[in-house]
Amino acid sequence: MRALIFPGQGSQAVGMGAALADASRAARDVFDEVDEALGQNLFRLMREGPDEELKLTENAQSAIMAHSIAVLRTLGIRVVDVASFVAGHSLGEYTALCAAGSLDLSTTAKLLKLRGQAMQQAVPVGEGAMAALLGADLGVAQKIAEAASEGEVCTVANDNDPSQVVISGRKSAIDRAIAIAKEMGAKRAVPLPVSAPFHCPLMEPAAEAMRDALGYVVIVPPAVPLYANVTAQPESDPDKIRNQLVEQVTGMVRWRESVANMFDAGVHEFVEIGGKVLGAMVKRIAPDATITSVVTIEDVEAAAKEIA
């Protein structure tokens, strides 16, 4: 069995999608549709930068999604024909739903633009922070976060793999967590260059904004089940997916569990569409799994022969 997986924020880079668009009409059509939906020339920003503007959450989320969908459509495959499940890391969950036909492309782009803006506005710049705890599992990370909180928000945001967990919350609490991480069992704590503390209770205003927006959106059952970030379980019911997308804004991304559960369900082949970050995590979670990353036009040509 095979799953298609889609990357989250941090996968953006100036030049993304440029060679793909030069080689593929399908990719150009994706970028054109996203530009039209957003009323901005996002693809020019993706192609030319500047990097500082592309990194802005409100731009990066839609750009990463557009790139992944462009890769997928250049592959020329139907998800239902090649995969048993889809999954995505944080914003990648929206990409996965778009890939599986649950959300249309224009709607997905607009939702991610709004999501990025709402997340950025939820907490003033400088008041929140995130850090990666390396060499720490979920249990160790939870103890570090609890010890550092001192009444402030400090929680696990992403349970990425057995050796990498991300925490999120008030900057002062995250600073305390970084200071005590090594003595509490982590090999290292690394502050992340993010503009807001994602996937923690401080994002509640953003969750409310997404609840309002998603209330007007048509969501249809995906062609194959989605492994949801907040439950690490497969889901196909549109109403449950809608609620999970709201919960995801403040909830923990249970990526390690999602991959482990997919592997236990018989998924032994994972194909990352549009990035090369998740594949490394998958290998640490399920060492016996086969991982393919499809990013460039050369990757597309090679993968098309294997996946079809």
C-alpha atoms as a PDB file:
ATOM      1  CA  MET A   1       0.000   0.000   0.000  1.00  0.00           C
ATOM      2  CA  ARG A   2       1.065   3.563  -0.722  1.00  0.00           C
ATOM      3  CA  ALA A   3       0.378   6.954   0.880  1.00  0.00           C
ATOM      4  CA  LEU A   4       0.957  10.373  -0.642  1.00  0.00           C
ATOM      5  CA  ILE A   5       2.239  12.908   1.898  1.00  0.00           C
ATOM      6  CA  PHE A   6       2.510  16.684   1.611  1.00  0.00           C
ATOM      7  CA  PRO A   7       4.970  19.036   3.349  1.00  0.00           C
ATOM      8  CA  GLY A   8       4.331  21.949   5.691  1.00  0.00           C
ATOM      9  CA  GLN A   9       5.863  25.355   6.252  1.00  0.00           C
ATOM     10  CA  GLY A  10       9.613  25.577   5.874  1.00  0.00           C
ATOM     11  CA  SER A  11       9.628  23.854   2.484  1.00  0.00           C
ATOM     12  CA  GLN A  12       9.466  27.173   0.614  1.00  0.00           C
ATOM     13  CA  ALA A  13      12.461  28.494  -1.337  1.00  0.00           C
ATOM     14  CA  VAL A  14      12.898  31.172  -3.968  1.00  0.00           C
ATOM     15  CA  GLY A  15      12.823  29.508  -7.372  1.00  0.00           C
ATOM     16  CA  MET A  16      10.325  26.852  -6.307  1.00  0.00           C
ATOM     17  CA  GLY A  17       8.247  25.620  -9.205  1.00  0.00           C
ATOM     18  CA  ALA A  18      10.102  27.665 -11.844  1.00  0.00           C
ATOM     19  CA  ALA A  19      11.624  24.759 -13.778  1.00  0.00           C
ATOM     20  CA  LEU A  20       8.410  22.801 -13.333  1.00  0.00           C
ATOM     21  CA  ALA A  21       6.379  25.604 -14.883  1.00  0.00           C
ATOM     22  CA  ASP A  22       8.821  25.913 -17.767  1.00  0.00           C
ATOM     23  CA  ALA A  23       8.385  22.217 -18.541  1.00  0.00           C
ATOM     24  CA  SER A  24       4.732  21.601 -17.715  1.00  0.00           C
ATOM     25  CA  ARG A  25       1.488  23.203 -18.891  1.00  0.00           C
ATOM     26  CA  ALA A  26      -0.292  21.477 -16.016  1.00  0.00           C
ATOM     27  CA  ALA A  27       2.004  23.174 -13.496  1.00  0.00           C
ATOM     28  CA  ARG A  28       1.523  26.579 -15.139  1.00  0.00           C
ATOM     29  CA  ASP A  29      -2.235  26.120 -14.959  1.00  0.00           C
ATOM     30  CA  VAL A  30      -2.004  25.465 -11.210  1.00  0.00           C
ATOM     31  CA  PHE A  31       0.064  28.580 -10.574  1.00  0.00           C
ATOM     32  CA  ASP A  32      -2.249  30.689 -12.755  1.00  0.00           C
ATOM     33  CA  GLU A  33      -5.355  29.453 -10.923  1.00  0.00           C
ATOM     34  CA  VAL A  34      -3.826  30.159  -7.512  1.00  0.00           C
ATOM     35  CA  ASP A  35      -2.749  33.646  -8.610  1.00  0.00           C
ATOM     36  CA  GLU A  36      -6.257  34.377  -9.838  1.00  0.00           C
ATOM     37  CA  ALA A  37      -7.871  33.031  -6.654  1.00  0.00           C
ATOM     38  CA  LEU A  38      -5.647  35.141  -4.421  1.00  0.00           C
ATOM     39  CA  GLY A  39      -5.615  38.259  -6.586  1.00  0.00           C
ATOM     40  CA  GLN A  40      -1.822  38.418  -6.374  1.00  0.00           C
ATOM     41  CA  ASN A  41       1.145  37.278  -8.428  1.00  0.00           C
ATOM     42  CA  LEU A  42       2.208  34.604  -5.963  1.00  0.00           C
ATOM     43  CA  PHE A  43       4.064  32.593  -8.579  1.00  0.00           C
ATOM     44  CA  ARG A  44       6.297  35.530  -9.445  1.00  0.00           C
ATOM     45  CA  LEU A  45       7.144  35.749  -5.744  1.00  0.00           C
ATOM     46  CA  MET A  46       7.862  32.017  -5.731  1.00  0.00           C
ATOM     47  CA  ARG A  47      10.039  32.300  -8.821  1.00  0.00           C
ATOM     48  CA  GLU A  48      11.891  35.543  -8.056  1.00  0.00           C
ATOM     49  CA  GLY A  49      11.504  36.316  -4.340  1.00  0.00           C
ATOM     50  CA  PRO A  50      12.440  38.250  -2.291  1.00  0.00           C
ATOM     51  CA  ASP A  51      12.965  35.471   0.231  1.00  0.00           C
ATOM     52  CA  GLU A  52      11.765  37.612   3.155  1.00  0.00           C
ATOM     53  CA  GLU A  53       8.386  38.108   1.487  1.00  0.00           C
ATOM     54  CA  LEU A  54       8.038  34.461   0.453  1.00  0.00           C
ATOM     55  CA  LYS A  55       8.728  33.383   4.045  1.00  0.00           C
ATOM     56  CA  LEU A  56       5.788  35.397   5.355  1.00  0.00           C
ATOM     57  CA  THR A  57       3.267  32.894   6.660  1.00  0.00           C
ATOM     58  CA  GLU A  58       0.424  34.271   4.540  1.00  0.00           C
ATOM     59  CA  ASN A  59       2.498  33.711   1.374  1.00  0.00           C
ATOM     60  CA  ALA A  60       4.452  30.590   2.295  1.00  0.00           C
ATOM     61  CA  GLN A  61       1.407  28.445   3.061  1.00  0.00           C
ATOM     62  CA  SER A  62      -0.321  29.011  -0.287  1.00  0.00           C
ATOM     63  CA  ALA A  63       2.993  28.778  -2.167  1.00  0.00           C
ATOM     64  CA  ILE A  64       3.910  25.395  -0.684  1.00  0.00           C
ATOM     65  CA  MET A  65       0.450  24.053  -1.444  1.00  0.00           C
ATOM     66  CA  ALA A  66       0.518  25.368  -5.019  1.00  0.00           C
ATOM     67  CA  HIS A  67       3.921  23.815  -5.622  1.00  0.00           C
ATOM     68  CA  SER A  68       2.861  20.397  -4.339  1.00  0.00           C
ATOM     69  CA  ILE A  69      -0.327  20.398  -6.427  1.00  0.00           C
ATOM     70  CA  ALA A  70       1.675  21.483  -9.478  1.00  0.00           C
ATOM     71  CA  VAL A  71       4.032  18.544  -8.947  1.00  0.00           C
ATOM     72  CA  LEU A  72       1.100  16.177  -8.547  1.00  0.00           C
ATOM     73  CA  ARG A  73      -0.683  17.374 -11.676  1.00  0.00           C
ATOM     74  CA  THR A  74       2.531  17.241 -13.682  1.00  0.00           C
ATOM     75  CA  LEU A  75       2.791  13.606 -12.617  1.00  0.00           C
ATOM     76  CA  GLY A  76      -0.571  13.154 -14.324  1.00  0.00           C
ATOM     77  CA  ILE A  77      -1.950  10.645 -11.826  1.00  0.00           C
ATOM     78  CA  ARG A  78      -5.233  10.333  -9.982  1.00  0.00           C
ATOM     79  CA  VAL A  79      -4.755   9.901  -6.252  1.00  0.00           C
ATOM     80  CA  VAL A  80      -7.432   7.215  -6.074  1.00  0.00           C
ATOM     81  CA  ASP A  81      -5.529   5.117  -8.630  1.00  0.00           C
ATOM     82  CA  VAL A  82      -2.151   5.176  -6.902  1.00  0.00           C
ATOM     83  CA  ALA A  83      -2.665   5.654  -3.151  1.00  0.00           C
ATOM     84  CA  SER A  84      -4.646   4.218  -0.268  1.00  0.00           C
ATOM     85  CA  PHE A  85      -4.290   7.288   1.976  1.00  0.00           C
ATOM     86  CA  VAL A  86      -3.148  10.899   1.975  1.00  0.00           C
ATOM     87  CA  ALA A  87      -1.654  12.952   4.803  1.00  0.00           C
ATOM     88  CA  GLY A  88      -0.029  16.325   5.212  1.00  0.00           C
ATOM     89  CA  HIS A  89       2.031  18.084   7.871  1.00  0.00           C
ATOM     90  CA  SER A  90       0.130  21.088   9.250  1.00  0.00           C
ATOM     91  CA  LEU A  91      -0.748  23.214   6.170  1.00  0.00           C
ATOM     92  CA  GLY A  92       0.071  20.099   4.127  1.00  0.00           C
ATOM     93  CA  GLU A  93      -3.220  18.677   5.365  1.00  0.00           C
ATOM     94  CA  TYR A  94      -5.016  21.222   3.174  1.00  0.00           C
ATOM     95  CA  THR A  95      -2.828  20.195   0.241  1.00  0.00           C
ATOM     96  CA  ALA A  96      -3.677  16.550   0.865  1.00  0.00           C
ATOM     97  CA  LEU A  97      -7.394  17.346   0.854  1.00  0.00           C
ATOM     98  CA  CYS A  98      -7.005  19.294  -2.389  1.00  0.00           C
ATOM     99  CA  ALA A  99      -5.045  16.434  -3.946  1.00  0.00           C
ATOM    100  CA  ALA A 100      -7.765  13.971  -2.939  1.00  0.00           C
ATOM    101  CA  GLY A 101     -10.520  16.174  -4.394  1.00  0.00           C
ATOM    102  CA  SER A 102     -12.044  17.149  -1.050  1.00  0.00           C
ATOM    103  CA  LEU A 103     -11.307  20.852  -1.578  1.00  0.00           C
ATOM    104  CA  ASP A 104     -10.941  22.600  -4.941  1.00  0.00           C
ATOM    105  CA  LEU A 105      -7.676  24.401  -5.702  1.00  0.00           C
ATOM    106  CA  SER A 106      -8.960  27.979  -5.545  1.00  0.00           C
ATOM    107  CA  THR A 107     -10.712  27.377  -2.231  1.00  0.00           C
ATOM    108  CA  THR A 108      -7.606  25.727  -0.789  1.00  0.00           C
ATOM    109  CA  ALA A 109      -5.448  28.711  -1.773  1.00  0.00           C
ATOM    110  CA  LYS A 110      -7.887  31.195  -0.220  1.00  0.00           C
ATOM    111  CA  LEU A 111      -8.180  29.177   2.986  1.00  0.00           C
ATOM    112  CA  LEU A 112      -4.413  28.980   3.392  1.00  0.00           C
ATOM    113  CA  LYS A 113      -4.019  32.712   2.737  1.00  0.00           C
ATOM    114  CA  LEU A 114      -6.569  33.403   5.461  1.00  0.00           C
ATOM    115  CA  ARG A 115      -5.015  30.789   7.756  1.00  0.00           C
ATOM    116  CA  GLY A 116      -1.590  32.378   7.391  1.00  0.00           C
ATOM    117  CA  GLN A 117      -2.918  35.878   8.041  1.00  0.00           C
ATOM    118  CA  ALA A 118      -4.965  34.739  11.039  1.00  0.00           C
ATOM    119  CA  MET A 119      -2.042  32.849  12.569  1.00  0.00           C
ATOM    120  CA  GLN A 120       0.247  35.851  12.155  1.00  0.00           C
ATOM    121  CA  GLN A 121      -2.285  38.222  13.709  1.00  0.00           C
ATOM    122  CA  ALA A 122      -3.179  35.964  16.650  1.00  0.00           C
ATOM    123  CA  VAL A 123      -0.030  36.800  18.634  1.00  0.00           C
ATOM    124  CA  PRO A 124       2.019  40.019  18.301  1.00  0.00           C
ATOM    125  CA  VAL A 125       5.468  39.448  16.803  1.00  0.00           C
ATOM    126  CA  GLY A 126       8.006  38.775  19.541  1.00  0.00           C
ATOM    127  CA  GLU A 127       5.533  37.495  22.127  1.00  0.00           C
ATOM    128  CA  GLY A 128       5.502  33.888  20.948  1.00  0.00           C
ATOM    129  CA  ALA A 129       8.185  31.407  19.925  1.00  0.00           C
ATOM    130  CA  MET A 130       8.844  27.806  18.920  1.00  0.00           C
ATOM    131  CA  ALA A 131      11.799  25.485  19.454  1.00  0.00           C
ATOM    132  CA  ALA A 132      12.810  22.067  18.196  1.00  0.00           C
ATOM    133  CA  LEU A 133      13.890  19.585  20.850  1.00  0.00           C
ATOM    134  CA  LEU A 134      16.348  17.229  19.199  1.00  0.00           C
ATOM    135  CA  GLY A 135      17.084  13.823  20.627  1.00  0.00           C
ATOM    136  CA  ALA A 136      13.868  14.011  22.642  1.00  0.00           C
ATOM    137  CA  ASP A 137      10.749  11.902  22.320  1.00  0.00           C
ATOM    138  CA  LEU A 138       7.213  13.041  23.121  1.00  0.00           C
ATOM    139  CA  GLY A 139       7.394  12.112  26.803  1.00  0.00           C
ATOM    140  CA  VAL A 140      10.631  14.016  27.386  1.00  0.00           C
ATOM    141  CA  ALA A 141       9.326  17.019  25.442  1.00  0.00           C
ATOM    142  CA  GLN A 142       6.122  17.143  27.476  1.00  0.00           C
ATOM    143  CA  LYS A 143       8.099  17.139  30.725  1.00  0.00           C
ATOM    144  CA  ILE A 144      10.334  19.956  29.474  1.00  0.00           C
ATOM    145  CA  ALA A 145       7.335  22.024  28.355  1.00  0.00           C
ATOM    146  CA  GLU A 146       5.542  21.497  31.662  1.00  0.00           C
ATOM    147  CA  ALA A 147       8.607  22.414  33.695  1.00  0.00           C
ATOM    148  CA  ALA A 148       9.203  25.569  31.666  1.00  0.00           C
ATOM    149  CA  SER A 149       5.630  26.846  31.548  1.00  0.00           C
ATOM    150  CA  GLU A 150       5.437  28.507  35.005  1.00  0.00           C
ATOM    151  CA  GLY A 151       1.821  29.419  34.302  1.00  0.00           C
ATOM    152  CA  GLU A 152       2.447  30.486  30.700  1.00  0.00           C
ATOM    153  CA  VAL A 153       1.557  28.593  27.522  1.00  0.00           C
ATOM    154  CA  CYS A 154       4.273  26.081  26.622  1.00  0.00           C
ATOM    155  CA  THR A 155       3.109  22.930  24.873  1.00  0.00           C
ATOM    156  CA  VAL A 156       4.128  20.345  22.303  1.00  0.00           C
ATOM    157  CA  ALA A 157       3.205  21.603  18.828  1.00  0.00           C
ATOM    158  CA  ASN A 158       4.610  18.916  16.530  1.00  0.00           C
ATOM    159  CA  ASP A 159       5.419  15.330  17.451  1.00  0.00           C
ATOM    160  CA  ASN A 160       7.474  14.866  14.293  1.00  0.00           C
ATOM    161  CA  ASP A 161       9.412  11.648  14.856  1.00  0.00           C
ATOM    162  CA  PRO A 162      11.058   9.686  17.705  1.00  0.00           C
ATOM    163  CA  SER A 163      13.956  12.136  17.911  1.00  0.00           C
ATOM    164  CA  GLN A 164      12.389  15.510  17.061  1.00  0.00           C
ATOM    165  CA  VAL A 165       9.564  17.262  18.872  1.00  0.00           C
ATOM    166  CA  VAL A 166       8.663  20.946  18.509  1.00  0.00           C
ATOM    167  CA  ILE A 167       7.313  23.052  21.369  1.00  0.00           C
ATOM    168  CA  SER A 168       5.372  26.303  21.095  1.00  0.00           C
ATOM    169  CA  GLY A 169       4.131  29.067  23.390  1.00  0.00           C
ATOM    170  CA  ARG A 170       5.049  32.325  25.066  1.00  0.00           C
ATOM    171  CA  LYS A 171       8.596  33.404  24.236  1.00  0.00           C
ATOM    172  CA  SER A 172       9.623  33.615  27.876  1.00  0.00           C
ATOM    173  CA  ALA A 173       8.450  30.046  28.488  1.00  0.00           C
ATOM    174  CA  ILE A 174      10.143  28.731  25.335  1.00  0.00           C
ATOM    175  CA  ASP A 175      13.365  30.472  26.409  1.00  0.00           C
ATOM    176  CA  ARG A 176      13.140  28.661  29.770  1.00  0.00           C
ATOM    177  CA  ALA A 177      12.523  25.372  27.970  1.00  0.00           C
ATOM    178  CA  ILE A 178      15.610  25.869  25.809  1.00  0.00           C
ATOM    179  CA  ALA A 179      17.672  26.584  28.927  1.00  0.00           C
ATOM    180  CA  ILE A 180      16.618  23.402  30.747  1.00  0.00           C
ATOM    181  CA  ALA A 181      16.169  21.044  27.770  1.00  0.00           C
ATOM    182  CA  LYS A 182      19.580  19.382  27.880  1.00  0.00           C
ATOM    183  CA  GLU A 183      19.547  18.651  31.598  1.00  0.00           C
ATOM    184  CA  MET A 184      16.062  17.138  31.199  1.00  0.00           C
ATOM    185  CA  GLY A 185      17.054  14.669  28.488  1.00  0.00           C
ATOM    186  CA  ALA A 186      17.141  16.441  25.122  1.00  0.00           C
ATOM    187  CA  LYS A 187      20.383  16.446  23.151  1.00  0.00           C
ATOM    188  CA  ARG A 188      19.785  19.973  21.935  1.00  0.00           C
ATOM    189  CA  ALA A 189      17.135  22.695  21.779  1.00  0.00           C
ATOM    190  CA  VAL A 190      17.032  24.931  18.710  1.00  0.00           C
ATOM    191  CA  PRO A 191      14.912  28.103  18.439  1.00  0.00           C
ATOM    192  CA  LEU A 192      12.935  28.113  15.197  1.00  0.00           C
ATOM    193  CA  PRO A 193      12.880  31.160  12.897  1.00  0.00           C
ATOM    194  CA  VAL A 194       9.101  31.548  12.902  1.00  0.00           C
ATOM    195  CA  SER A 195       6.970  34.651  13.296  1.00  0.00           C
ATOM    196  CA  ALA A 196       4.260  33.107  15.489  1.00  0.00           C
ATOM    197  CA  PRO A 197       3.786  30.227  17.967  1.00  0.00           C
ATOM    198  CA  PHE A 198       1.862  27.745  15.833  1.00  0.00           C
ATOM    199  CA  HIS A 199      -0.193  24.777  17.102  1.00  0.00           C
ATOM    200  CA  CYS A 200      -0.672  25.951  20.663  1.00  0.00           C
ATOM    201  CA  PRO A 201      -3.564  27.542  22.619  1.00  0.00           C
ATOM    202  CA  LEU A 202      -2.292  31.055  21.777  1.00  0.00           C
ATOM    203  CA  MET A 203      -3.614  30.413  18.257  1.00  0.00           C
ATOM    204  CA  GLU A 204      -7.255  30.351  19.426  1.00  0.00           C
ATOM    205  CA  PRO A 205      -8.139  33.600  17.560  1.00  0.00           C
ATOM    206  CA  ALA A 206      -6.862  31.973  14.364  1.00  0.00           C
ATOM    207  CA  ALA A 207      -8.886  28.846  15.076  1.00  0.00           C
ATOM    208  CA  GLU A 208     -12.022  30.989  15.394  1.00  0.00           C
ATOM    209  CA  ALA A 209     -11.237  32.683  12.074  1.00  0.00           C
ATOM    210  CA  MET A 210     -10.875  29.292  10.405  1.00  0.00           C
ATOM    211  CA  ARG A 211     -14.075  28.021  11.999  1.00  0.00           C
ATOM    212  CA  ASP A 212     -15.937  30.944  10.450  1.00  0.00           C
ATOM    213  CA  ALA A 213     -14.301  30.515   7.039  1.00  0.00           C
ATOM    214  CA  LEU A 214     -14.678  26.743   6.873  1.00  0.00           C
ATOM    215  CA  GLY A 215     -18.352  27.071   7.745  1.00  0.00           C
ATOM    216  CA  TYR A 216     -18.970  28.445   4.238  1.00  0.00           C
ATOM    217  CA  VAL A 217     -16.745  26.001   2.370  1.00  0.00           C
ATOM    218  CA  VAL A 218     -17.881  22.940   0.444  1.00  0.00           C
ATOM    219  CA  ILE A 219     -15.920  19.880   1.573  1.00  0.00           C
ATOM    220  CA  VAL A 220     -16.632  16.572  -0.145  1.00  0.00           C
ATOM    221  CA  PRO A 221     -15.393  13.128   0.900  1.00  0.00           C
ATOM    222  CA  PRO A 222     -11.777  12.672  -0.221  1.00  0.00           C
ATOM    223  CA  ALA A 223     -11.061  10.076  -2.895  1.00  0.00           C
ATOM    224  CA  VAL A 224      -9.002   8.204  -0.293  1.00  0.00           C
ATOM    225  CA  PRO A 225      -9.053   8.718   3.498  1.00  0.00           C
ATOM    226  CA  LEU A 226      -6.983  11.479   5.078  1.00  0.00           C
ATOM    227  CA  TYR A 227      -4.861  10.682   8.132  1.00  0.00           C
ATOM    228  CA  ALA A 228      -5.721  13.718  10.259  1.00  0.00           C
ATOM    229  CA  ASN A 229      -3.057  15.619  12.208  1.00  0.00           C
ATOM    230  CA  VAL A 230      -5.131  15.920  15.369  1.00  0.00           C
ATOM    231  CA  THR A 231      -6.251  12.286  15.627  1.00  0.00           C
ATOM    232  CA  ALA A 232      -3.578  10.336  13.687  1.00  0.00           C
ATOM    233  CA  GLN A 233      -6.489   8.313  12.302  1.00  0.00           C
ATOM    234  CA  PRO A 234      -8.031   8.002   8.818  1.00  0.00           C
ATOM    235  CA  GLU A 235     -11.025  10.228   8.107  1.00  0.00           C
ATOM    236  CA  SER A 236     -13.389  10.670   5.155  1.00  0.00           C
ATOM    237  CA  ASP A 237     -16.418  12.394   6.691  1.00  0.00           C
ATOM    238  CA  PRO A 238     -16.577  16.061   5.528  1.00  0.00           C
ATOM    239  CA  ASP A 239     -18.050  17.392   8.781  1.00  0.00           C
ATOM    240  CA  LYS A 240     -15.377  15.683  10.877  1.00  0.00           C
ATOM    241  CA  ILE A 241     -12.665  16.932   8.501  1.00  0.00           C
ATOM    242  CA  ARG A 242     -14.040  20.473   8.840  1.00  0.00           C
ATOM    243  CA  ASN A 243     -13.871  20.285  12.633  1.00  0.00           C
ATOM    244  CA  GLN A 244     -10.408  18.733  12.588  1.00  0.00           C
ATOM    245  CA  LEU A 245      -9.059  21.544  10.413  1.00  0.00           C
ATOM    246  CA  VAL A 246     -10.209  23.992  13.080  1.00  0.00           C
ATOM    247  CA  GLU A 247      -8.781  21.906  15.933  1.00  0.00           C
ATOM    248  CA  GLN A 248      -5.504  21.601  14.063  1.00  0.00           C
ATOM    249  CA  VAL A 249      -4.763  25.337  14.442  1.00  0.00           C
ATOM    250  CA  THR A 250      -4.294  25.023  18.212  1.00  0.00           C
ATOM    251  CA  GLY A 251      -3.716  21.271  18.454  1.00  0.00           C
ATOM    252  CA  MET A 252      -0.620  19.105  18.246  1.00  0.00           C
ATOM    253  CA  VAL A 253       0.444  17.748  14.863  1.00  0.00           C
ATOM    254  CA  ARG A 254       0.632  14.012  15.574  1.00  0.00           C
ATOM    255  CA  TRP A 255       2.884  13.185  12.648  1.00  0.00           C
ATOM    256  CA  ARG A 256       4.856  10.378  14.285  1.00  0.00           C
ATOM    257  CA  GLU A 257       1.662   8.560  15.236  1.00  0.00           C
ATOM    258  CA  SER A 258       0.094   9.171  11.826  1.00  0.00           C
ATOM    259  CA  VAL A 259       3.005   7.579   9.985  1.00  0.00           C
ATOM    260  CA  ALA A 260       3.263   4.707  12.467  1.00  0.00           C
ATOM    261  CA  ASN A 261      -0.472   4.030  12.172  1.00  0.00           C
ATOM    262  CA  MET A 262      -0.321   4.099   8.374  1.00  0.00           C
ATOM    263  CA  PHE A 263       2.600   1.685   8.412  1.00  0.00           C
ATOM    264  CA  ASP A 264       0.733  -0.625  10.785  1.00  0.00           C
ATOM    265  CA  ALA A 265      -2.268  -0.449   8.449  1.00  0.00           C
ATOM    266  CA  GLY A 266      -0.111  -1.805   5.621  1.00  0.00           C
ATOM    267  CA  VAL A 267       1.311   1.370   4.034  1.00  0.00           C
ATOM    268  CA  HIS A 268       4.934   0.555   3.309  1.00  0.00           C
ATOM    269  CA  GLU A 269       5.508   3.115   0.538  1.00  0.00           C
ATOM    270  CA  PHE A 270       5.388   6.857   1.182  1.00  0.00           C
ATOM    271  CA  VAL A 271       5.669   9.410  -1.618  1.00  0.00           C
ATOM    272  CA  GLU A 272       6.336  12.995  -0.563  1.00  0.00           C
ATOM    273  CA  ILE A 273       4.958  15.408  -3.132  1.00  0.00           C
ATOM    274  CA  GLY A 274       6.698  18.781  -3.314  1.00  0.00           C
ATOM    275  CA  GLY A 275       9.288  18.435  -0.550  1.00  0.00           C
ATOM    276  CA  LYS A 276      12.095  16.412   1.005  1.00  0.00           C
ATOM    277  CA  VAL A 277      11.564  17.014   4.728  1.00  0.00           C
ATOM    278  CA  LEU A 278       8.869  14.507   5.601  1.00  0.00           C
ATOM    279  CA  GLY A 279      10.681  11.590   4.004  1.00  0.00           C
ATOM    280  CA  ALA A 280      13.491  11.814   6.546  1.00  0.00           C
ATOM    281  CA  MET A 281      10.953  11.842   9.375  1.00  0.00           C
ATOM    282  CA  VAL A 282       9.162   8.823   7.913  1.00  0.00           C
ATOM    283  CA  LYS A 283      12.443   6.892   7.771  1.00  0.00           C
ATOM    284  CA  ARG A 284      13.032   7.529  11.475  1.00  0.00           C
ATOM    285  CA  ILE A 285       9.483   6.441  12.315  1.00  0.00           C
ATOM    286  CA  ALA A 286       9.219   3.437   9.986  1.00  0.00           C
ATOM    287  CA  PRO A 287      12.748   2.367   8.968  1.00  0.00           C
ATOM    288  CA  ASP A 288      11.440  -0.421   6.738  1.00  0.00           C
ATOM    289  CA  ALA A 289       9.265   1.886   4.664  1.00  0.00           C
ATOM    290  CA  THR A 290      10.155   2.946   1.124  1.00  0.00           C
ATOM    291  CA  ILE A 291      10.304   6.709   0.657  1.00  0.00           C
ATOM    292  CA  THR A 292      10.255   8.696  -2.579  1.00  0.00           C
ATOM    293  CA  SER A 293      10.463  12.492  -2.761  1.00  0.00           C
ATOM    294  CA  VAL A 294       9.110  14.194  -5.869  1.00  0.00           C
ATOM    295  CA  VAL A 295      10.110  17.850  -6.266  1.00  0.00           C
ATOM    296  CA  THR A 296      11.858  18.550  -9.584  1.00  0.00           C
ATOM    297  CA  ILE A 297      10.801  17.803 -13.147  1.00  0.00           C
ATOM    298  CA  GLU A 298      13.447  15.068 -13.150  1.00  0.00           C
ATOM    299  CA  ASP A 299      11.870  13.573 -10.023  1.00  0.00           C
ATOM    300  CA  VAL A 300       8.492  13.698 -11.766  1.00  0.00           C
ATOM    301  CA  GLU A 301       9.771  11.846 -14.812  1.00  0.00           C
ATOM    302  CA  ALA A 302      11.378   9.144 -12.666  1.00  0.00           C
ATOM    303  CA  ALA A 303       8.387   8.794 -10.331  1.00  0.00           C
ATOM    304  CA  ALA A 304       5.825   8.651 -13.133  1.00  0.00           C
ATOM    305  CA  LYS A 305       7.245   5.301 -14.242  1.00  0.00           C
ATOM    306  CA  GLU A 306       7.221   3.835 -10.728  1.00  0.00           C
ATOM    307  CA  ILE A 307       3.953   5.209  -9.357  1.00  0.00           C
ATOM    308  CA  ALA A 308       1.596   4.715 -12.315  1.00  0.00           C
END
